[in-house]
Amino acid sequence: MTVSILHRITGGGLSVVGLALLTWWLTAVAGGPAAYATFTKVATSPIGLIVVVGLTWAFFQHLLSGIRHLTMDTGAAFDLGINRLFAVMTIAGSLFLTALTWYVLMGVGK
């Protein structure tokens, strides 16, 4: 149940916050260096990074939850034990993929 609710919440968050951020970024790119510098300053601030990392997690959570739902639509994974395992893997996988993405993006591995 939790993963299903998270799927709906992350879909809404990606639609509202994600599209607003994407629109602002595109407008800043088209607006020139000053507008882009403002966007970059806000996006790289601590609150901006929390939002962007949160959107990254929301993307991976929504993606993996969608794959889970697609699998269940085929008639698989309805056994209670497998269903719970798949739900836990969805949450753990989204956290792992978010951490891996930001590990690579921040160049920590270099």
PDB file of N, CA and C in Angstrom:
ATOM      1  N   MET A   1       0.825  -1.184   0.000  1.00  0.00           N
ATOM      2  CA  MET A   1       0.000   0.000   0.000  1.00  0.00           C
ATOM      3  C   MET A   1       0.877   1.260   0.000  1.00  0.00           C
ATOM      4  N   THR A   2       1.956   1.239   0.763  1.00  0.00           N
ATOM      5  CA  THR A   2       2.835   2.409   0.863  1.00  0.00           C
ATOM      6  C   THR A   2       3.441   2.756  -0.484  1.00  0.00           C
ATOM      7  N   VAL A   3       3.888   1.730  -1.212  1.00  0.00           N
ATOM      8  CA  VAL A   3       4.519   1.977  -2.510  1.00  0.00           C
ATOM      9  C   VAL A   3       3.491   2.516  -3.506  1.00  0.00           C
ATOM     10  N   SER A   4       2.273   2.041  -3.428  1.00  0.00           N
ATOM     11  CA  SER A   4       1.225   2.544  -4.311  1.00  0.00           C
ATOM     12  C   SER A   4       0.933   4.023  -4.034  1.00  0.00           C
ATOM     13  N   ILE A   5       0.889   4.384  -2.752  1.00  0.00           N
ATOM     14  CA  ILE A   5       0.665   5.783  -2.384  1.00  0.00           C
ATOM     15  C   ILE A   5       1.855   6.637  -2.814  1.00  0.00           C
ATOM     16  N   LEU A   6       3.073   6.135  -2.589  1.00  0.00           N
ATOM     17  CA  LEU A   6       4.271   6.863  -3.031  1.00  0.00           C
ATOM     18  C   LEU A   6       4.276   7.060  -4.545  1.00  0.00           C
ATOM     19  N   HIS A   7       3.763   6.063  -5.271  1.00  0.00           N
ATOM     20  CA  HIS A   7       3.700   6.177  -6.736  1.00  0.00           C
ATOM     21  C   HIS A   7       2.828   7.366  -7.146  1.00  0.00           C
ATOM     22  N   ARG A   8       1.714   7.521  -6.493  1.00  0.00           N
ATOM     23  CA  ARG A   8       0.822   8.645  -6.800  1.00  0.00           C
ATOM     24  C   ARG A   8       1.445   9.983  -6.390  1.00  0.00           C
ATOM     25  N   ILE A   9       2.046  10.022  -5.200  1.00  0.00           N
ATOM     26  CA  ILE A   9       2.659  11.260  -4.703  1.00  0.00           C
ATOM     27  C   ILE A   9       3.828  11.675  -5.586  1.00  0.00           C
ATOM     28  N   THR A  10       4.695  10.715  -5.937  1.00  0.00           N
ATOM     29  CA  THR A  10       5.850  11.066  -6.769  1.00  0.00           C
ATOM     30  C   THR A  10       5.418  11.477  -8.166  1.00  0.00           C
ATOM     31  N   GLY A  11       4.369  10.875  -8.680  1.00  0.00           N
ATOM     32  CA  GLY A  11       3.861  11.293  -9.990  1.00  0.00           C
ATOM     33  C   GLY A  11       3.370  12.729  -9.952  1.00  0.00           C
ATOM     34  N   GLY A  12       2.642  13.076  -8.905  1.00  0.00           N
ATOM     35  CA  GLY A  12       2.180  14.462  -8.755  1.00  0.00           C
ATOM     36  C   GLY A  12       3.326  15.428  -8.547  1.00  0.00           C
ATOM     37  N   GLY A  13       4.288  15.037  -7.708  1.00  0.00           N
ATOM     38  CA  GLY A  13       5.444  15.900  -7.452  1.00  0.00           C
ATOM     39  C   GLY A  13       6.282  16.130  -8.694  1.00  0.00           C
ATOM     40  N   LEU A  14       6.494  15.066  -9.462  1.00  0.00           N
ATOM     41  CA  LEU A  14       7.256  15.217 -10.696  1.00  0.00           C
ATOM     42  C   LEU A  14       6.511  16.111 -11.688  1.00  0.00           C
ATOM     43  N   SER A  15       5.195  15.972 -11.724  1.00  0.00           N
ATOM     44  CA  SER A  15       4.408  16.793 -12.645  1.00  0.00           C
ATOM     45  C   SER A  15       4.432  18.264 -12.262  1.00  0.00           C
ATOM     46  N   VAL A  16       4.253  18.558 -11.001  1.00  0.00           N
ATOM     47  CA  VAL A  16       4.154  19.951 -10.567  1.00  0.00           C
ATOM     48  C   VAL A  16       5.539  20.564 -10.363  1.00  0.00           C
ATOM     49  N   VAL A  17       6.305  20.015  -9.434  1.00  0.00           N
ATOM     50  CA  VAL A  17       7.608  20.600  -9.095  1.00  0.00           C
ATOM     51  C   VAL A  17       8.615  20.376 -10.214  1.00  0.00           C
ATOM     52  N   GLY A  18       8.656  19.159 -10.744  1.00  0.00           N
ATOM     53  CA  GLY A  18       9.614  18.848 -11.799  1.00  0.00           C
ATOM     54  C   GLY A  18       9.408  19.681 -13.050  1.00  0.00           C
ATOM     55  N   LEU A  19       8.167  19.806 -13.482  1.00  0.00           N
ATOM     56  CA  LEU A  19       7.898  20.612 -14.677  1.00  0.00           C
ATOM     57  C   LEU A  19       8.127  22.093 -14.428  1.00  0.00           C
ATOM     58  N   ALA A  20       7.844  22.559 -13.223  1.00  0.00           N
ATOM     59  CA  ALA A  20       8.117  23.965 -12.900  1.00  0.00           C
ATOM     60  C   ALA A  20       9.622  24.235 -12.938  1.00  0.00           C
ATOM     61  N   LEU A  21      10.403  23.327 -12.377  1.00  0.00           N
ATOM     62  CA  LEU A  21      11.859  23.485 -12.386  1.00  0.00           C
ATOM     63  C   LEU A  21      12.413  23.397 -13.807  1.00  0.00           C
ATOM     64  N   LEU A  22      11.897  22.472 -14.589  1.00  0.00           N
ATOM     65  CA  LEU A  22      12.326  22.348 -15.986  1.00  0.00           C
ATOM     66  C   LEU A  22      11.985  23.609 -16.775  1.00  0.00           C
ATOM     67  N   THR A  23      10.798  24.142 -16.553  1.00  0.00           N
ATOM     68  CA  THR A  23      10.385  25.370 -17.240  1.00  0.00           C
ATOM     69  C   THR A  23      11.273  26.546 -16.850  1.00  0.00           C
ATOM     70  N   TRP A  24      11.578  26.646 -15.568  1.00  0.00           N
ATOM     71  CA  TRP A  24      12.459  27.719 -15.099  1.00  0.00           C
ATOM     72  C   TRP A  24      13.847  27.575 -15.717  1.00  0.00           C
ATOM     73  N   TRP A  25      14.359  26.343 -15.773  1.00  0.00           N
ATOM     74  CA  TRP A  25      15.682  26.103 -16.355  1.00  0.00           C
ATOM     75  C   TRP A  25      15.698  26.489 -17.833  1.00  0.00           C
ATOM     76  N   LEU A  26      14.684  26.064 -18.583  1.00  0.00           N
ATOM     77  CA  LEU A  26      14.624  26.403 -20.016  1.00  0.00           C
ATOM     78  C   LEU A  26      14.502  27.907 -20.226  1.00  0.00           C
ATOM     79  N   THR A  27      13.709  28.566 -19.403  1.00  0.00           N
ATOM     80  CA  THR A  27      13.566  30.016 -19.484  1.00  0.00           C
ATOM     81  C   THR A  27      14.886  30.697 -19.158  1.00  0.00           C
ATOM     82  N   ALA A  28      15.604  30.184 -18.174  1.00  0.00           N
ATOM     83  CA  ALA A  28      16.899  30.753 -17.799  1.00  0.00           C
ATOM     84  C   ALA A  28      17.923  30.564 -18.907  1.00  0.00           C
ATOM     85  N   VAL A  29      17.920  29.420 -19.553  1.00  0.00           N
ATOM     86  CA  VAL A  29      18.837  29.182 -20.665  1.00  0.00           C
ATOM     87  C   VAL A  29      18.555  30.159 -21.793  1.00  0.00           C
ATOM     88  N   ALA A  30      17.287  30.353 -22.091  1.00  0.00           N
ATOM     89  CA  ALA A  30      16.912  31.279 -23.163  1.00  0.00           C
ATOM     90  C   ALA A  30      17.094  32.737 -22.760  1.00  0.00           C
ATOM     91  N   GLY A  31      17.090  33.017 -21.462  1.00  0.00           N
ATOM     92  CA  GLY A  31      17.162  34.384 -20.969  1.00  0.00           C
ATOM     93  C   GLY A  31      18.556  34.981 -20.928  1.00  0.00           C
ATOM     94  N   GLY A  32      19.566  34.168 -21.124  1.00  0.00           N
ATOM     95  CA  GLY A  32      20.929  34.682 -21.143  1.00  0.00           C
ATOM     96  C   GLY A  32      21.714  34.358 -19.886  1.00  0.00           C
ATOM     97  N   PRO A  33      22.968  34.810 -19.854  1.00  0.00           N
ATOM     98  CA  PRO A  33      23.875  34.458 -18.755  1.00  0.00           C
ATOM     99  C   PRO A  33      23.391  34.900 -17.373  1.00  0.00           C
ATOM    100  N   ALA A  34      22.804  36.079 -17.268  1.00  0.00           N
ATOM    101  CA  ALA A  34      22.356  36.563 -15.954  1.00  0.00           C
ATOM    102  C   ALA A  34      21.218  35.701 -15.410  1.00  0.00           C
ATOM    103  N   ALA A  35      20.263  35.380 -16.267  1.00  0.00           N
ATOM    104  CA  ALA A  35      19.135  34.541 -15.840  1.00  0.00           C
ATOM    105  C   ALA A  35      19.612  33.140 -15.478  1.00  0.00           C
ATOM    106  N   TYR A  36      20.550  32.609 -16.245  1.00  0.00           N
ATOM    107  CA  TYR A  36      21.063  31.270 -15.962  1.00  0.00           C
ATOM    108  C   TYR A  36      21.884  31.262 -14.673  1.00  0.00           C
ATOM    109  N   ALA A  37      22.618  32.338 -14.429  1.00  0.00           N
ATOM    110  CA  ALA A  37      23.397  32.440 -13.186  1.00  0.00           C
ATOM    111  C   ALA A  37      22.468  32.459 -11.971  1.00  0.00           C
ATOM    112  N   THR A  38      21.352  33.141 -12.085  1.00  0.00           N
ATOM    113  CA  THR A  38      20.372  33.165 -11.000  1.00  0.00           C
ATOM    114  C   THR A  38      19.808  31.771 -10.750  1.00  0.00           C
ATOM    115  N   PHE A  39      19.446  31.092 -11.837  1.00  0.00           N
ATOM    116  CA  PHE A  39      18.933  29.723 -11.706  1.00  0.00           C
ATOM    117  C   PHE A  39      19.976  28.825 -11.051  1.00  0.00           C
ATOM    118  N   THR A  40      21.203  28.898 -11.514  1.00  0.00           N
ATOM    119  CA  THR A  40      22.278  28.060 -10.980  1.00  0.00           C
ATOM    120  C   THR A  40      22.515  28.345  -9.503  1.00  0.00           C
ATOM    121  N   LYS A  41      22.473  29.623  -9.137  1.00  0.00           N
ATOM    122  CA  LYS A  41      22.680  29.998  -7.735  1.00  0.00           C
ATOM    123  C   LYS A  41      21.609  29.374  -6.845  1.00  0.00           C
ATOM    124  N   VAL A  42      20.364  29.447  -7.274  1.00  0.00           N
ATOM    125  CA  VAL A  42      19.260  28.887  -6.482  1.00  0.00           C
ATOM    126  C   VAL A  42      19.317  27.358  -6.492  1.00  0.00           C
ATOM    127  N   ALA A  43      19.578  26.769  -7.653  1.00  0.00           N
ATOM    128  CA  ALA A  43      19.583  25.306  -7.766  1.00  0.00           C
ATOM    129  C   ALA A  43      20.723  24.664  -6.990  1.00  0.00           C
ATOM    130  N   THR A  44      21.825  25.385  -6.823  1.00  0.00           N
ATOM    131  CA  THR A  44      22.974  24.819  -6.096  1.00  0.00           C
ATOM    132  C   THR A  44      23.012  25.252  -4.624  1.00  0.00           C
ATOM    133  N   SER A  45      22.024  26.014  -4.198  1.00  0.00           N
ATOM    134  CA  SER A  45      21.929  26.358  -2.772  1.00  0.00           C
ATOM    135  C   SER A  45      21.513  25.099  -2.007  1.00  0.00           C
ATOM    136  N   PRO A  46      21.683  25.080  -0.696  1.00  0.00           N
ATOM    137  CA  PRO A  46      21.292  23.886   0.063  1.00  0.00           C
ATOM    138  C   PRO A  46      19.825  23.478  -0.153  1.00  0.00           C
ATOM    139  N   ILE A  47      18.921  24.432  -0.143  1.00  0.00           N
ATOM    140  CA  ILE A  47      17.503  24.106  -0.366  1.00  0.00           C
ATOM    141  C   ILE A  47      17.286  23.637  -1.800  1.00  0.00           C
ATOM    142  N   GLY A  48      17.953  24.284  -2.752  1.00  0.00           N
ATOM    143  CA  GLY A  48      17.849  23.870  -4.146  1.00  0.00           C
ATOM    144  C   GLY A  48      18.335  22.448  -4.355  1.00  0.00           C
ATOM    145  N   LEU A  49      19.442  22.097  -3.707  1.00  0.00           N
ATOM    146  CA  LEU A  49      19.964  20.732  -3.831  1.00  0.00           C
ATOM    147  C   LEU A  49      19.022  19.719  -3.201  1.00  0.00           C
ATOM    148  N   ILE A  50      18.398  20.085  -2.095  1.00  0.00           N
ATOM    149  CA  ILE A  50      17.419  19.181  -1.476  1.00  0.00           C
ATOM    150  C   ILE A  50      16.269  18.922  -2.441  1.00  0.00           C
ATOM    151  N   VAL A  51      15.802  19.985  -3.105  1.00  0.00           N
ATOM    152  CA  VAL A  51      14.703  19.837  -4.067  1.00  0.00           C
ATOM    153  C   VAL A  51      15.132  18.964  -5.244  1.00  0.00           C
ATOM    154  N   VAL A  52      16.316  19.218  -5.780  1.00  0.00           N
ATOM    155  CA  VAL A  52      16.770  18.475  -6.959  1.00  0.00           C
ATOM    156  C   VAL A  52      17.049  17.010  -6.607  1.00  0.00           C
ATOM    157  N   VAL A  53      17.659  16.768  -5.461  1.00  0.00           N
ATOM    158  CA  VAL A  53      17.885  15.381  -5.033  1.00  0.00           C
ATOM    159  C   VAL A  53      16.538  14.704  -4.767  1.00  0.00           C
ATOM    160  N   GLY A  54      15.603  15.422  -4.179  1.00  0.00           N
ATOM    161  CA  GLY A  54      14.260  14.887  -3.959  1.00  0.00           C
ATOM    162  C   GLY A  54      13.556  14.532  -5.256  1.00  0.00           C
ATOM    163  N   LEU A  55      13.726  15.365  -6.255  1.00  0.00           N
ATOM    164  CA  LEU A  55      13.144  15.058  -7.566  1.00  0.00           C
ATOM    165  C   LEU A  55      13.801  13.839  -8.199  1.00  0.00           C
ATOM    166  N   THR A  56      15.105  13.701  -7.973  1.00  0.00           N
ATOM    167  CA  THR A  56      15.806  12.520  -8.484  1.00  0.00           C
ATOM    168  C   THR A  56      15.244  11.260  -7.834  1.00  0.00           C
ATOM    169  N   TRP A  57      15.079  11.305  -6.495  1.00  0.00           N
ATOM    170  CA  TRP A  57      14.497  10.160  -5.809  1.00  0.00           C
ATOM    171  C   TRP A  57      13.068   9.899  -6.304  1.00  0.00           C
ATOM    172  N   ALA A  58      12.286  10.958  -6.458  1.00  0.00           N
ATOM    173  CA  ALA A  58      10.900  10.804  -6.916  1.00  0.00           C
ATOM    174  C   ALA A  58      10.864  10.150  -8.294  1.00  0.00           C
ATOM    175  N   PHE A  59      11.791  10.547  -9.163  1.00  0.00           N
ATOM    176  CA  PHE A  59      11.855   9.942 -10.498  1.00  0.00           C
ATOM    177  C   PHE A  59      12.113   8.441 -10.403  1.00  0.00           C
ATOM    178  N   PHE A  60      13.141   8.055  -9.640  1.00  0.00           N
ATOM    179  CA  PHE A  60      13.474   6.632  -9.544  1.00  0.00           C
ATOM    180  C   PHE A  60      12.383   5.846  -8.813  1.00  0.00           C
ATOM    181  N   GLN A  61      11.782   6.432  -7.782  1.00  0.00           N
ATOM    182  CA  GLN A  61      10.697   5.755  -7.073  1.00  0.00           C
ATOM    183  C   GLN A  61       9.515   5.535  -8.015  1.00  0.00           C
ATOM    184  N   HIS A  62       9.166   6.552  -8.781  1.00  0.00           N
ATOM    185  CA  HIS A  62       8.042   6.450  -9.707  1.00  0.00           C
ATOM    186  C   HIS A  62       8.343   5.430 -10.810  1.00  0.00           C
ATOM    187  N   LEU A  63       9.568   5.456 -11.313  1.00  0.00           N
ATOM    188  CA  LEU A  63       9.973   4.510 -12.359  1.00  0.00           C
ATOM    189  C   LEU A  63       9.902   3.070 -11.863  1.00  0.00           C
ATOM    190  N   LEU A  64      10.529   2.802 -10.730  1.00  0.00           N
ATOM    191  CA  LEU A  64      10.540   1.427 -10.220  1.00  0.00           C
ATOM    192  C   LEU A  64       9.150   0.969  -9.788  1.00  0.00           C
ATOM    193  N   SER A  65       8.358   1.870  -9.237  1.00  0.00           N
ATOM    194  CA  SER A  65       6.991   1.527  -8.880  1.00  0.00           C
ATOM    195  C   SER A  65       6.158   1.241 -10.129  1.00  0.00           C
ATOM    196  N   GLY A  66       6.406   1.988 -11.180  1.00  0.00           N
ATOM    197  CA  GLY A  66       5.714   1.730 -12.448  1.00  0.00           C
ATOM    198  C   GLY A  66       6.065   0.365 -13.014  1.00  0.00           C
ATOM    199  N   ILE A  67       7.352  -0.004 -12.902  1.00  0.00           N
ATOM    200  CA  ILE A  67       7.773  -1.338 -13.348  1.00  0.00           C
ATOM    201  C   ILE A  67       7.090  -2.411 -12.500  1.00  0.00           C
ATOM    202  N   ARG A  68       6.981  -2.162 -11.196  1.00  0.00           N
ATOM    203  CA  ARG A  68       6.285  -3.101 -10.299  1.00  0.00           C
ATOM    204  C   ARG A  68       4.828  -3.255 -10.721  1.00  0.00           C
ATOM    205  N   HIS A  69       4.169  -2.127 -10.981  1.00  0.00           N
ATOM    206  CA  HIS A  69       2.760  -2.187 -11.405  1.00  0.00           C
ATOM    207  C   HIS A  69       2.618  -2.886 -12.758  1.00  0.00           C
ATOM    208  N   LEU A  70       3.542  -2.637 -13.662  1.00  0.00           N
ATOM    209  CA  LEU A  70       3.502  -3.290 -14.970  1.00  0.00           C
ATOM    210  C   LEU A  70       3.647  -4.802 -14.809  1.00  0.00           C
ATOM    211  N   THR A  71       4.549  -5.215 -13.943  1.00  0.00           N
ATOM    212  CA  THR A  71       4.733  -6.643 -13.681  1.00  0.00           C
ATOM    213  C   THR A  71       3.458  -7.248 -13.101  1.00  0.00           C
ATOM    214  N   MET A  72       2.855  -6.527 -12.177  1.00  0.00           N
ATOM    215  CA  MET A  72       1.624  -7.033 -11.576  1.00  0.00           C
ATOM    216  C   MET A  72       0.476  -7.067 -12.589  1.00  0.00           C
ATOM    217  N   ASP A  73       0.499  -6.162 -13.573  1.00  0.00           N
ATOM    218  CA  ASP A  73      -0.532  -6.170 -14.609  1.00  0.00           C
ATOM    219  C   ASP A  73      -0.461  -7.425 -15.476  1.00  0.00           C
ATOM    220  N   THR A  74       0.700  -8.055 -15.513  1.00  0.00           N
ATOM    221  CA  THR A  74       0.823  -9.297 -16.280  1.00  0.00           C
ATOM    222  C   THR A  74       0.308 -10.501 -15.497  1.00  0.00           C
ATOM    223  N   GLY A  75      -0.034 -10.279 -14.213  1.00  0.00           N
ATOM    224  CA  GLY A  75      -0.544 -11.354 -13.388  1.00  0.00           C
ATOM    225  C   GLY A  75       0.507 -11.951 -12.473  1.00  0.00           C
ATOM    226  N   ALA A  76       1.712 -11.406 -12.506  1.00  0.00           N
ATOM    227  CA  ALA A  76       2.801 -11.924 -11.671  1.00  0.00           C
ATOM    228  C   ALA A  76       2.886 -11.127 -10.373  1.00  0.00           C
ATOM    229  N   ALA A  77       3.608 -11.683  -9.418  1.00  0.00           N
ATOM    230  CA  ALA A  77       3.951 -11.022  -8.150  1.00  0.00           C
ATOM    231  C   ALA A  77       2.733 -10.712  -7.278  1.00  0.00           C
ATOM    232  N   PHE A  78       1.707 -11.556  -7.327  1.00  0.00           N
ATOM    233  CA  PHE A  78       0.551 -11.350  -6.458  1.00  0.00           C
ATOM    234  C   PHE A  78       0.667 -12.136  -5.155  1.00  0.00           C
ATOM    235  N   ASP A  79       1.598 -13.084  -5.090  1.00  0.00           N
ATOM    236  CA  ASP A  79       1.841 -13.794  -3.847  1.00  0.00           C
ATOM    237  C   ASP A  79       2.301 -12.774  -2.812  1.00  0.00           C
ATOM    238  N   LEU A  80       1.767 -12.847  -1.613  1.00  0.00           N
ATOM    239  CA  LEU A  80       2.010 -11.825  -0.597  1.00  0.00           C
ATOM    240  C   LEU A  80       3.495 -11.630  -0.302  1.00  0.00           C
ATOM    241  N   GLY A  81       4.249 -12.708  -0.186  1.00  0.00           N
ATOM    242  CA  GLY A  81       5.679 -12.606   0.103  1.00  0.00           C
ATOM    243  C   GLY A  81       6.443 -11.928  -1.026  1.00  0.00           C
ATOM    244  N   ILE A  82       6.178 -12.315  -2.246  1.00  0.00           N
ATOM    245  CA  ILE A  82       6.843 -11.714  -3.416  1.00  0.00           C
ATOM    246  C   ILE A  82       6.419 -10.258  -3.566  1.00  0.00           C
ATOM    247  N   ASN A  83       5.148  -9.985  -3.341  1.00  0.00           N
ATOM    248  CA  ASN A  83       4.643  -8.623  -3.466  1.00  0.00           C
ATOM    249  C   ASN A  83       5.331  -7.696  -2.462  1.00  0.00           C
ATOM    250  N   ARG A  84       5.466  -8.133  -1.221  1.00  0.00           N
ATOM    251  CA  ARG A  84       6.149  -7.322  -0.205  1.00  0.00           C
ATOM    252  C   ARG A  84       7.622  -7.141  -0.536  1.00  0.00           C
ATOM    253  N   LEU A  85       8.263  -8.205  -0.995  1.00  0.00           N
ATOM    254  CA  LEU A  85       9.670  -8.115  -1.381  1.00  0.00           C
ATOM    255  C   LEU A  85       9.847  -7.115  -2.521  1.00  0.00           C
ATOM    256  N   PHE A  86       8.978  -7.184  -3.507  1.00  0.00           N
ATOM    257  CA  PHE A  86       9.026  -6.271  -4.647  1.00  0.00           C
ATOM    258  C   PHE A  86       8.814  -4.825  -4.180  1.00  0.00           C
ATOM    259  N   ALA A  87       7.911  -4.620  -3.216  1.00  0.00           N
ATOM    260  CA  ALA A  87       7.658  -3.276  -2.682  1.00  0.00           C
ATOM    261  C   ALA A  87       8.891  -2.740  -1.959  1.00  0.00           C
ATOM    262  N   VAL A  88       9.512  -3.573  -1.134  1.00  0.00           N
ATOM    263  CA  VAL A  88      10.722  -3.159  -0.412  1.00  0.00           C
ATOM    264  C   VAL A  88      11.857  -2.886  -1.404  1.00  0.00           C
ATOM    265  N   MET A  89      11.969  -3.732  -2.424  1.00  0.00           N
ATOM    266  CA  MET A  89      13.007  -3.523  -3.445  1.00  0.00           C
ATOM    267  C   MET A  89      12.790  -2.218  -4.202  1.00  0.00           C
ATOM    268  N   THR A  90      11.537  -1.831  -4.381  1.00  0.00           N
ATOM    269  CA  THR A  90      11.230  -0.570  -5.059  1.00  0.00           C
ATOM    270  C   THR A  90      11.765   0.612  -4.253  1.00  0.00           C
ATOM    271  N   ILE A  91      11.526   0.613  -2.970  1.00  0.00           N
ATOM    272  CA  ILE A  91      11.998   1.705  -2.106  1.00  0.00           C
ATOM    273  C   ILE A  91      13.521   1.683  -1.991  1.00  0.00           C
ATOM    274  N   ALA A  92      14.077   0.503  -1.720  1.00  0.00           N
ATOM    275  CA  ALA A  92      15.532   0.392  -1.587  1.00  0.00           C
ATOM    276  C   ALA A  92      16.228   0.730  -2.910  1.00  0.00           C
ATOM    277  N   GLY A  93      15.660   0.274  -4.010  1.00  0.00           N
ATOM    278  CA  GLY A  93      16.251   0.545  -5.321  1.00  0.00           C
ATOM    279  C   GLY A  93      16.238   2.024  -5.661  1.00  0.00           C
ATOM    280  N   SER A  94      15.161   2.706  -5.313  1.00  0.00           N
ATOM    281  CA  SER A  94      15.094   4.145  -5.609  1.00  0.00           C
ATOM    282  C   SER A  94      16.115   4.917  -4.784  1.00  0.00           C
ATOM    283  N   LEU A  95      16.292   4.519  -3.532  1.00  0.00           N
ATOM    284  CA  LEU A  95      17.298   5.168  -2.689  1.00  0.00           C
ATOM    285  C   LEU A  95      18.708   4.895  -3.218  1.00  0.00           C
ATOM    286  N   PHE A  96      18.964   3.644  -3.606  1.00  0.00           N
ATOM    287  CA  PHE A  96      20.268   3.285  -4.145  1.00  0.00           C
ATOM    288  C   PHE A  96      20.565   4.035  -5.439  1.00  0.00           C
ATOM    289  N   LEU A  97      19.601   4.052  -6.363  1.00  0.00           N
ATOM    290  CA  LEU A  97      19.828   4.722  -7.642  1.00  0.00           C
ATOM    291  C   LEU A  97      20.000   6.233  -7.476  1.00  0.00           C
ATOM    292  N   THR A  98      19.293   6.826  -6.523  1.00  0.00           N
ATOM    293  CA  THR A  98      19.468   8.253  -6.236  1.00  0.00           C
ATOM    294  C   THR A  98      20.872   8.512  -5.712  1.00  0.00           C
ATOM    295  N   ALA A  99      21.294   7.703  -4.749  1.00  0.00           N
ATOM    296  CA  ALA A  99      22.642   7.872  -4.192  1.00  0.00           C
ATOM    297  C   ALA A  99      23.706   7.653  -5.259  1.00  0.00           C
ATOM    298  N   LEU A 100      23.540   6.645  -6.086  1.00  0.00           N
ATOM    299  CA  LEU A 100      24.503   6.372  -7.154  1.00  0.00           C
ATOM    300  C   LEU A 100      24.556   7.517  -8.163  1.00  0.00           C
ATOM    301  N   THR A 101      23.399   8.034  -8.532  1.00  0.00           N
ATOM    302  CA  THR A 101      23.345   9.144  -9.487  1.00  0.00           C
ATOM    303  C   THR A 101      24.088  10.358  -8.953  1.00  0.00           C
ATOM    304  N   TRP A 102      23.834  10.725  -7.711  1.00  0.00           N
ATOM    305  CA  TRP A 102      24.483  11.910  -7.146  1.00  0.00           C
ATOM    306  C   TRP A 102      25.950  11.658  -6.822  1.00  0.00           C
ATOM    307  N   TYR A 103      26.309  10.422  -6.548  1.00  0.00           N
ATOM    308  CA  TYR A 103      27.714  10.072  -6.361  1.00  0.00           C
ATOM    309  C   TYR A 103      28.480  10.322  -7.665  1.00  0.00           C
ATOM    310  N   VAL A 104      27.894   9.899  -8.767  1.00  0.00           N
ATOM    311  CA  VAL A 104      28.523  10.090 -10.075  1.00  0.00           C
ATOM    312  C   VAL A 104      28.497  11.573 -10.473  1.00  0.00           C
ATOM    313  N   LEU A 105      27.355  12.236 -10.287  1.00  0.00           N
ATOM    314  CA  LEU A 105      27.242  13.643 -10.690  1.00  0.00           C
ATOM    315  C   LEU A 105      28.167  14.576  -9.908  1.00  0.00           C
ATOM    316  N   MET A 106      28.357  14.282  -8.644  1.00  0.00           N
ATOM    317  CA  MET A 106      29.209  15.137  -7.817  1.00  0.00           C
ATOM    318  C   MET A 106      30.700  14.819  -8.007  1.00  0.00           C
ATOM    319  N   GLY A 107      30.986  13.794  -8.779  1.00  0.00           N
ATOM    320  CA  GLY A 107      32.369  13.457  -9.070  1.00  0.00           C
ATOM    321  C   GLY A 107      33.133  12.936  -7.874  1.00  0.00           C
ATOM    322  N   VAL A 108      32.425  12.338  -6.926  1.00  0.00           N
ATOM    323  CA  VAL A 108      33.065  11.850  -5.715  1.00  0.00           C
ATOM    324  C   VAL A 108      34.008  10.687  -6.046  1.00  0.00           C
ATOM    325  N   GLY A 109      33.671   9.932  -7.058  1.00  0.00           N
ATOM    326  CA  GLY A 109      34.471   8.773  -7.415  1.00  0.00           C
ATOM    327  C   GLY A 109      35.741   9.099  -8.168  1.00  0.00           C
ATOM    328  N   LYS A 110      36.009  10.359  -8.451  1.00  0.00           N
ATOM    329  CA  LYS A 110      37.195  10.712  -9.256  1.00  0.00           C
ATOM    330  C   LYS A 110      38.417  10.860  -8.392  1.00  0.00           C
TER     331      LYS A 110
END
